[in-house]
All heavy atoms as atom14 arrays in JSON, in Angstrom:
{
  "sequence": "EHAGEAPPFDSIGPEGGPLVAVELMKRLRRGQLVCMM",
  "atom14_mask": [
    [1, 1, 1, 1, 1, 1, 1, 1, 1, 0, 0, 0, 0, 0],
    [1, 1, 1, 1, 1, 1, 1, 1, 1, 1, 0, 0, 0, 0],
    [1, 1, 1, 1, 1, 0, 0, 0, 0, 0, 0, 0, 0, 0],
    [1, 1, 1, 1, 0, 0, 0, 0, 0, 0, 0, 0, 0, 0],
    [1, 1, 1, 1, 1, 1, 1, 1, 1, 0, 0, 0, 0, 0],
    [1, 1, 1, 1, 1, 0, 0, 0, 0, 0, 0, 0, 0, 0],
    [1, 1, 1, 1, 1, 1, 1, 0, 0, 0, 0, 0, 0, 0],
    [1, 1, 1, 1, 1, 1, 1, 0, 0, 0, 0, 0, 0, 0],
    [1, 1, 1, 1, 1, 1, 1, 1, 1, 1, 1, 0, 0, 0],
    [1, 1, 1, 1, 1, 1, 1, 1, 0, 0, 0, 0, 0, 0],
    [1, 1, 1, 1, 1, 1, 0, 0, 0, 0, 0, 0, 0, 0],
    [1, 1, 1, 1, 1, 1, 1, 1, 0, 0, 0, 0, 0, 0],
    [1, 1, 1, 1, 0, 0, 0, 0, 0, 0, 0, 0, 0, 0],
    [1, 1, 1, 1, 1, 1, 1, 0, 0, 0, 0, 0, 0, 0],
    [1, 1, 1, 1, 1, 1, 1, 1, 1, 0, 0, 0, 0, 0],
    [1, 1, 1, 1, 0, 0, 0, 0, 0, 0, 0, 0, 0, 0],
    [1, 1, 1, 1, 0, 0, 0, 0, 0, 0, 0, 0, 0, 0],
    [1, 1, 1, 1, 1, 1, 1, 0, 0, 0, 0, 0, 0, 0],
    [1, 1, 1, 1, 1, 1, 1, 1, 0, 0, 0, 0, 0, 0],
    [1, 1, 1, 1, 1, 1, 1, 0, 0, 0, 0, 0, 0, 0],
    [1, 1, 1, 1, 1, 0, 0, 0, 0, 0, 0, 0, 0, 0],
    [1, 1, 1, 1, 1, 1, 1, 0, 0, 0, 0, 0, 0, 0],
    [1, 1, 1, 1, 1, 1, 1, 1, 1, 0, 0, 0, 0, 0],
    [1, 1, 1, 1, 1, 1, 1, 1, 0, 0, 0, 0, 0, 0],
    [1, 1, 1, 1, 1, 1, 1, 1, 0, 0, 0, 0, 0, 0],
    [1, 1, 1, 1, 1, 1, 1, 1, 1, 0, 0, 0, 0, 0],
    [1, 1, 1, 1, 1, 1, 1, 1, 1, 1, 1, 0, 0, 0],
    [1, 1, 1, 1, 1, 1, 1, 1, 0, 0, 0, 0, 0, 0],
    [1, 1, 1, 1, 1, 1, 1, 1, 1, 1, 1, 0, 0, 0],
    [1, 1, 1, 1, 1, 1, 1, 1, 1, 1, 1, 0, 0, 0],
    [1, 1, 1, 1, 0, 0, 0, 0, 0, 0, 0, 0, 0, 0],
    [1, 1, 1, 1, 1, 1, 1, 1, 1, 0, 0, 0, 0, 0],
    [1, 1, 1, 1, 1, 1, 1, 1, 0, 0, 0, 0, 0, 0],
    [1, 1, 1, 1, 1, 1, 1, 0, 0, 0, 0, 0, 0, 0],
    [1, 1, 1, 1, 1, 1, 0, 0, 0, 0, 0, 0, 0, 0],
    [1, 1, 1, 1, 1, 1, 1, 1, 0, 0, 0, 0, 0, 0],
    [1, 1, 1, 1, 1, 1, 1, 1, 0, 0, 0, 0, 0, 0]
  ],
  "atom14_positions": [
    [[15.67, -6.47, 0.52], [16.1, -6.98, 1.79], [17.54, -7.54, 1.67], [18.34, -7.41, 2.63], [15.15, -8.13, 2.25], [13.75, -7.62, 2.58], [12.8, -8.74, 2.9], [12.7, -9.7, 2.15], [12.14, -8.66, 3.98], [0.0, 0.0, 0.0], [0.0, 0.0, 0.0], [0.0, 0.0, 0.0], [0.0, 0.0, 0.0], [0.0, 0.0, 0.0]],
    [[17.86, -8.16, 0.55], [19.2, -8.59, 0.31], [20.16, -7.38, 0.29], [21.35, -7.49, 0.75], [19.3, -9.35, -1.03], [18.74, -10.73, -0.98], [19.36, -11.76, -0.3], [17.6, -11.26, -1.54], [18.63, -12.88, -0.43], [17.56, -12.58, -1.19], [0.0, 0.0, 0.0], [0.0, 0.0, 0.0], [0.0, 0.0, 0.0], [0.0, 0.0, 0.0]],
    [[19.67, -6.32, -0.24], [20.57, -5.1, -0.37], [20.65, -4.33, 0.91], [21.39, -3.34, 0.97], [20.09, -4.25, -1.52], [0.0, 0.0, 0.0], [0.0, 0.0, 0.0], [0.0, 0.0, 0.0], [0.0, 0.0, 0.0], [0.0, 0.0, 0.0], [0.0, 0.0, 0.0], [0.0, 0.0, 0.0], [0.0, 0.0, 0.0], [0.0, 0.0, 0.0]],
    [[19.89, -4.72, 1.93], [19.88, -4.02, 3.19], [19.21, -2.64, 3.07], [19.58, -1.7, 3.77], [0.0, 0.0, 0.0], [0.0, 0.0, 0.0], [0.0, 0.0, 0.0], [0.0, 0.0, 0.0], [0.0, 0.0, 0.0], [0.0, 0.0, 0.0], [0.0, 0.0, 0.0], [0.0, 0.0, 0.0], [0.0, 0.0, 0.0], [0.0, 0.0, 0.0]],
    [[18.26, -2.51, 2.16], [17.59, -1.25, 1.95], [16.1, -1.27, 2.4], [15.5, -2.37, 2.46], [17.6, -0.87, 0.44], [19.01, -0.78, -0.14], [18.94, -0.61, -1.64], [17.85, -0.72, -2.22], [20.02, -0.33, -2.24], [0.0, 0.0, 0.0], [0.0, 0.0, 0.0], [0.0, 0.0, 0.0], [0.0, 0.0, 0.0], [0.0, 0.0, 0.0]],
    [[15.56, -0.13, 2.65], [14.15, -0.08, 2.96], [13.39, -0.21, 1.6], [13.88, 0.21, 0.52], [13.8, 1.23, 3.59], [0.0, 0.0, 0.0], [0.0, 0.0, 0.0], [0.0, 0.0, 0.0], [0.0, 0.0, 0.0], [0.0, 0.0, 0.0], [0.0, 0.0, 0.0], [0.0, 0.0, 0.0], [0.0, 0.0, 0.0], [0.0, 0.0, 0.0]],
    [[12.2, -0.76, 1.61], [11.44, -0.87, 0.37], [11.1, 0.54, -0.17], [10.78, 1.42, 0.55], [10.18, -1.6, 0.77], [10.04, -1.44, 2.26], [11.45, -1.33, 2.74], [0.0, 0.0, 0.0], [0.0, 0.0, 0.0], [0.0, 0.0, 0.0], [0.0, 0.0, 0.0], [0.0, 0.0, 0.0], [0.0, 0.0, 0.0], [0.0, 0.0, 0.0]],
    [[11.19, 0.7, -1.47], [10.87, 2.02, -2.09], [9.38, 2.23, -2.25], [8.99, 3.16, -2.96], [11.56, 1.89, -3.44], [11.56, 0.48, -3.79], [11.66, -0.29, -2.5], [0.0, 0.0, 0.0], [0.0, 0.0, 0.0], [0.0, 0.0, 0.0], [0.0, 0.0, 0.0], [0.0, 0.0, 0.0], [0.0, 0.0, 0.0], [0.0, 0.0, 0.0]],
    [[8.58, 1.44, -1.67], [7.15, 1.55, -1.75], [6.5, 1.25, -0.39], [7.11, 0.55, 0.46], [6.52, 0.64, -2.84], [6.94, -0.83, -2.67], [6.31, -1.67, -1.75], [7.97, -1.31, -3.42], [6.68, -2.96, -1.63], [8.39, -2.62, -3.29], [7.74, -3.46, -2.39], [0.0, 0.0, 0.0], [0.0, 0.0, 0.0], [0.0, 0.0, 0.0]],
    [[5.27, 1.67, -0.14], [4.53, 1.28, 1.01], [3.81, -0.06, 0.77], [3.4, -0.34, -0.33], [3.51, 2.35, 1.35], [4.13, 3.59, 1.96], [5.24, 3.47, 2.51], [3.49, 4.67, 1.93], [0.0, 0.0, 0.0], [0.0, 0.0, 0.0], [0.0, 0.0, 0.0], [0.0, 0.0, 0.0], [0.0, 0.0, 0.0], [0.0, 0.0, 0.0]],
    [[3.66, -0.85, 1.82], [3.0, -2.11, 1.71], [1.85, -2.16, 2.71], [2.03, -1.82, 3.91], [3.96, -3.27, 1.99], [3.34, -4.51, 1.78], [0.0, 0.0, 0.0], [0.0, 0.0, 0.0], [0.0, 0.0, 0.0], [0.0, 0.0, 0.0], [0.0, 0.0, 0.0], [0.0, 0.0, 0.0], [0.0, 0.0, 0.0], [0.0, 0.0, 0.0]],
    [[0.68, -2.66, 2.26], [-0.45, -2.79, 3.15], [-0.9, -4.25, 3.06], [-1.12, -4.79, 1.94], [-1.62, -1.88, 2.68], [-1.23, -0.43, 2.88], [-2.92, -2.16, 3.48], [-2.34, 0.57, 2.44], [0.0, 0.0, 0.0], [0.0, 0.0, 0.0], [0.0, 0.0, 0.0], [0.0, 0.0, 0.0], [0.0, 0.0, 0.0], [0.0, 0.0, 0.0]],
    [[-1.08, -4.89, 4.22], [-1.6, -6.23, 4.3], [-3.12, -6.24, 4.21], [-3.74, -5.28, 4.52], [0.0, 0.0, 0.0], [0.0, 0.0, 0.0], [0.0, 0.0, 0.0], [0.0, 0.0, 0.0], [0.0, 0.0, 0.0], [0.0, 0.0, 0.0], [0.0, 0.0, 0.0], [0.0, 0.0, 0.0], [0.0, 0.0, 0.0], [0.0, 0.0, 0.0]],
    [[-3.7, -7.42, 3.9], [-5.13, -7.49, 3.78], [-5.88, -7.71, 5.11], [-7.08, -7.84, 5.12], [-5.33, -8.69, 2.88], [-4.18, -9.57, 3.15], [-3.04, -8.62, 3.49], [0.0, 0.0, 0.0], [0.0, 0.0, 0.0], [0.0, 0.0, 0.0], [0.0, 0.0, 0.0], [0.0, 0.0, 0.0], [0.0, 0.0, 0.0], [0.0, 0.0, 0.0]],
    [[-5.12, -7.78, 6.19], [-5.73, -8.19, 7.45], [-6.68, -7.19, 8.05], [-7.48, -7.45, 8.95], [-4.6, -8.48, 8.5], [-3.69, -9.59, 8.13], [-2.59, -9.2, 7.09], [-2.45, -8.02, 6.83], [-1.95, -10.1, 6.53], [0.0, 0.0, 0.0], [0.0, 0.0, 0.0], [0.0, 0.0, 0.0], [0.0, 0.0, 0.0], [0.0, 0.0, 0.0]],
    [[-6.64, -5.92, 7.54], [-7.48, -4.91, 8.1], [-8.91, -4.87, 7.66], [-9.69, -4.04, 8.1], [0.0, 0.0, 0.0], [0.0, 0.0, 0.0], [0.0, 0.0, 0.0], [0.0, 0.0, 0.0], [0.0, 0.0, 0.0], [0.0, 0.0, 0.0], [0.0, 0.0, 0.0], [0.0, 0.0, 0.0], [0.0, 0.0, 0.0], [0.0, 0.0, 0.0]],
    [[-9.3, -5.86, 6.79], [-10.68, -5.92, 6.35], [-11.13, -4.68, 5.56], [-10.34, -4.16, 4.77], [0.0, 0.0, 0.0], [0.0, 0.0, 0.0], [0.0, 0.0, 0.0], [0.0, 0.0, 0.0], [0.0, 0.0, 0.0], [0.0, 0.0, 0.0], [0.0, 0.0, 0.0], [0.0, 0.0, 0.0], [0.0, 0.0, 0.0], [0.0, 0.0, 0.0]],
    [[-12.32, -4.22, 5.77], [-12.84, -3.07, 4.98], [-12.04, -1.83, 5.1], [-12.03, -0.94, 4.21], [-14.27, -2.85, 5.58], [-14.64, -4.2, 6.16], [-13.36, -4.78, 6.68], [0.0, 0.0, 0.0], [0.0, 0.0, 0.0], [0.0, 0.0, 0.0], [0.0, 0.0, 0.0], [0.0, 0.0, 0.0], [0.0, 0.0, 0.0], [0.0, 0.0, 0.0]],
    [[-11.28, -1.67, 6.23], [-10.47, -0.45, 6.41], [-9.34, -0.43, 5.39], [-8.82, 0.67, 5.09], [-9.87, -0.47, 7.81], [-10.87, -0.23, 8.96], [-10.19, -0.29, 10.27], [-11.63, 1.02, 8.75], [0.0, 0.0, 0.0], [0.0, 0.0, 0.0], [0.0, 0.0, 0.0], [0.0, 0.0, 0.0], [0.0, 0.0, 0.0], [0.0, 0.0, 0.0]],
    [[-8.96, -1.61, 4.83], [-7.94, -1.61, 3.78], [-8.4, -0.79, 2.57], [-7.68, -0.03, 1.98], [-7.6, -3.05, 3.41], [-6.65, -3.07, 2.21], [-6.91, -3.74, 4.6], [0.0, 0.0, 0.0], [0.0, 0.0, 0.0], [0.0, 0.0, 0.0], [0.0, 0.0, 0.0], [0.0, 0.0, 0.0], [0.0, 0.0, 0.0], [0.0, 0.0, 0.0]],
    [[-9.68, -1.07, 2.13], [-10.2, -0.36, 0.97], [-10.23, 1.12, 1.23], [-9.95, 1.95, 0.36], [-11.59, -0.93, 0.67], [0.0, 0.0, 0.0], [0.0, 0.0, 0.0], [0.0, 0.0, 0.0], [0.0, 0.0, 0.0], [0.0, 0.0, 0.0], [0.0, 0.0, 0.0], [0.0, 0.0, 0.0], [0.0, 0.0, 0.0], [0.0, 0.0, 0.0]],
    [[-10.62, 1.54, 2.45], [-10.71, 2.95, 2.78], [-9.28, 3.6, 2.63], [-9.13, 4.66, 2.04], [-11.24, 3.15, 4.19], [-11.14, 4.62, 4.63], [-12.6, 2.62, 4.3], [0.0, 0.0, 0.0], [0.0, 0.0, 0.0], [0.0, 0.0, 0.0], [0.0, 0.0, 0.0], [0.0, 0.0, 0.0], [0.0, 0.0, 0.0], [0.0, 0.0, 0.0]],
    [[-8.28, 2.89, 3.16], [-6.91, 3.45, 3.06], [-6.43, 3.53, 1.64], [-5.78, 4.5, 1.22], [-5.98, 2.61, 3.91], [-4.52, 3.08, 3.94], [-4.33, 4.5, 4.43], [-5.18, 4.88, 5.31], [-3.4, 5.19, 4.04], [0.0, 0.0, 0.0], [0.0, 0.0, 0.0], [0.0, 0.0, 0.0], [0.0, 0.0, 0.0], [0.0, 0.0, 0.0]],
    [[-6.74, 2.49, 0.87], [-6.3, 2.55, -0.58], [-7.0, 3.68, -1.29], [-6.39, 4.3, -2.19], [-6.65, 1.19, -1.22], [-5.85, -0.02, -0.66], [-6.25, -1.29, -1.38], [-4.34, 0.16, -0.92], [0.0, 0.0, 0.0], [0.0, 0.0, 0.0], [0.0, 0.0, 0.0], [0.0, 0.0, 0.0], [0.0, 0.0, 0.0], [0.0, 0.0, 0.0]],
    [[-8.28, 3.94, -1.03], [-8.95, 5.01, -1.69], [-8.3, 6.35, -1.35], [-8.18, 7.23, -2.21], [-10.46, 5.07, -1.25], [-11.32, 4.04, -1.99], [-13.09, 4.3, -1.79], [-13.24, 3.83, -0.07], [0.0, 0.0, 0.0], [0.0, 0.0, 0.0], [0.0, 0.0, 0.0], [0.0, 0.0, 0.0], [0.0, 0.0, 0.0], [0.0, 0.0, 0.0]],
    [[-7.89, 6.51, -0.11], [-7.19, 7.74, 0.27], [-5.91, 7.94, -0.57], [-5.63, 9.03, -0.99], [-6.81, 7.71, 1.81], [-8.0, 7.79, 2.73], [-7.54, 7.69, 4.18], [-8.69, 7.81, 5.17], [-8.23, 7.65, 6.6], [0.0, 0.0, 0.0], [0.0, 0.0, 0.0], [0.0, 0.0, 0.0], [0.0, 0.0, 0.0], [0.0, 0.0, 0.0]],
    [[-5.2, 6.88, -0.74], [-3.95, 6.97, -1.47], [-4.16, 7.25, -2.95], [-3.41, 7.98, -3.58], [-3.11, 5.74, -1.24], [-2.79, 5.56, 0.21], [-1.79, 4.49, 0.54], [-1.63, 4.36, 1.98], [-0.45, 3.98, 2.53], [0.59, 3.7, 1.8], [-0.41, 3.95, 3.85], [0.0, 0.0, 0.0], [0.0, 0.0, 0.0], [0.0, 0.0, 0.0]],
    [[-5.21, 6.7, -3.52], [-5.57, 6.95, -4.9], [-5.94, 8.45, -5.04], [-5.53, 9.12, -6.02], [-6.68, 6.09, -5.37], [-6.31, 4.62, -5.6], [-7.58, 3.75, -5.81], [-5.38, 4.48, -6.79], [0.0, 0.0, 0.0], [0.0, 0.0, 0.0], [0.0, 0.0, 0.0], [0.0, 0.0, 0.0], [0.0, 0.0, 0.0], [0.0, 0.0, 0.0]],
    [[-6.74, 8.93, -4.13], [-7.11, 10.33, -4.2], [-5.94, 11.3, -4.02], [-6.04, 12.46, -4.34], [-8.21, 10.6, -3.17], [-9.53, 10.0, -3.6], [-10.59, 10.01, -2.51], [-11.85, 9.49, -3.03], [-12.76, 8.83, -2.27], [-12.56, 8.73, -0.98], [-13.91, 8.41, -2.83], [0.0, 0.0, 0.0], [0.0, 0.0, 0.0], [0.0, 0.0, 0.0]],
    [[-4.85, 10.83, -3.5], [-3.64, 11.62, -3.37], [-2.75, 11.44, -4.63], [-1.68, 11.98, -4.68], [-2.84, 11.24, -2.17], [-3.51, 11.62, -0.84], [-2.51, 11.66, 0.31], [-1.98, 10.4, 0.68], [-2.47, 9.61, 1.63], [-3.5, 9.96, 2.35], [-1.84, 8.43, 1.89], [0.0, 0.0, 0.0], [0.0, 0.0, 0.0], [0.0, 0.0, 0.0]],
    [[-3.25, 10.73, -5.61], [-2.58, 10.58, -6.9], [-1.5, 9.48, -6.92], [-0.65, 9.47, -7.8], [0.0, 0.0, 0.0], [0.0, 0.0, 0.0], [0.0, 0.0, 0.0], [0.0, 0.0, 0.0], [0.0, 0.0, 0.0], [0.0, 0.0, 0.0], [0.0, 0.0, 0.0], [0.0, 0.0, 0.0], [0.0, 0.0, 0.0], [0.0, 0.0, 0.0]],
    [[-1.56, 8.51, -5.98], [-0.59, 7.47, -5.94], [-0.85, 6.36, -6.95], [-2.02, 6.21, -7.45], [-0.48, 6.92, -4.55], [0.03, 7.89, -3.51], [0.34, 7.24, -2.19], [0.4, 6.03, -2.08], [0.57, 8.03, -1.17], [0.0, 0.0, 0.0], [0.0, 0.0, 0.0], [0.0, 0.0, 0.0], [0.0, 0.0, 0.0], [0.0, 0.0, 0.0]],
    [[0.12, 5.48, -7.11], [-0.08, 4.22, -7.81], [-0.33, 3.11, -6.78], [0.36, 3.04, -5.76], [1.18, 3.74, -8.57], [1.73, 4.72, -9.65], [2.84, 4.08, -10.38], [0.61, 5.18, -10.63], [0.0, 0.0, 0.0], [0.0, 0.0, 0.0], [0.0, 0.0, 0.0], [0.0, 0.0, 0.0], [0.0, 0.0, 0.0], [0.0, 0.0, 0.0]],
    [[-1.43, 2.36, -6.94], [-1.76, 1.31, -6.01], [-1.68, -0.02, -6.78], [-2.38, -0.21, -7.77], [-3.18, 1.45, -5.45], [-3.63, 0.2, -4.7], [-3.26, 2.7, -4.54], [0.0, 0.0, 0.0], [0.0, 0.0, 0.0], [0.0, 0.0, 0.0], [0.0, 0.0, 0.0], [0.0, 0.0, 0.0], [0.0, 0.0, 0.0], [0.0, 0.0, 0.0]],
    [[-0.76, -0.88, -6.35], [-0.51, -2.18, -7.03], [-1.28, -3.26, -6.35], [-1.23, -3.43, -5.14], [0.98, -2.52, -7.02], [1.99, -1.38, -7.93], [0.0, 0.0, 0.0], [0.0, 0.0, 0.0], [0.0, 0.0, 0.0], [0.0, 0.0, 0.0], [0.0, 0.0, 0.0], [0.0, 0.0, 0.0], [0.0, 0.0, 0.0], [0.0, 0.0, 0.0]],
    [[-2.01, -4.01, -7.16], [-2.85, -5.14, -6.68], [-2.76, -6.34, -7.53], [-2.28, -6.24, -8.68], [-4.34, -4.68, -6.53], [-4.53, -3.43, -5.72], [-6.24, -2.85, -5.74], [-7.01, -4.25, -4.88], [0.0, 0.0, 0.0], [0.0, 0.0, 0.0], [0.0, 0.0, 0.0], [0.0, 0.0, 0.0], [0.0, 0.0, 0.0], [0.0, 0.0, 0.0]],
    [[-3.22, -7.46, -7.07], [-3.26, -8.68, -7.87], [-4.69, -8.99, -8.25], [-5.6, -8.92, -7.44], [-2.67, -9.87, -7.07], [-1.16, -9.78, -6.96], [-0.32, -9.93, -8.56], [1.31, -9.63, -8.03], [0.0, 0.0, 0.0], [0.0, 0.0, 0.0], [0.0, 0.0, 0.0], [0.0, 0.0, 0.0], [0.0, 0.0, 0.0], [0.0, 0.0, 0.0]]
  ]
}
């Protein structure tokens, strides 16, 4: 944000409830890295 650039990664908020897990599974099945805490 300081550099005025778009983030080089996609971000998903937790507000979507169970649909969040569904979307993350889709991305894993596409071979992506999913970062979590």
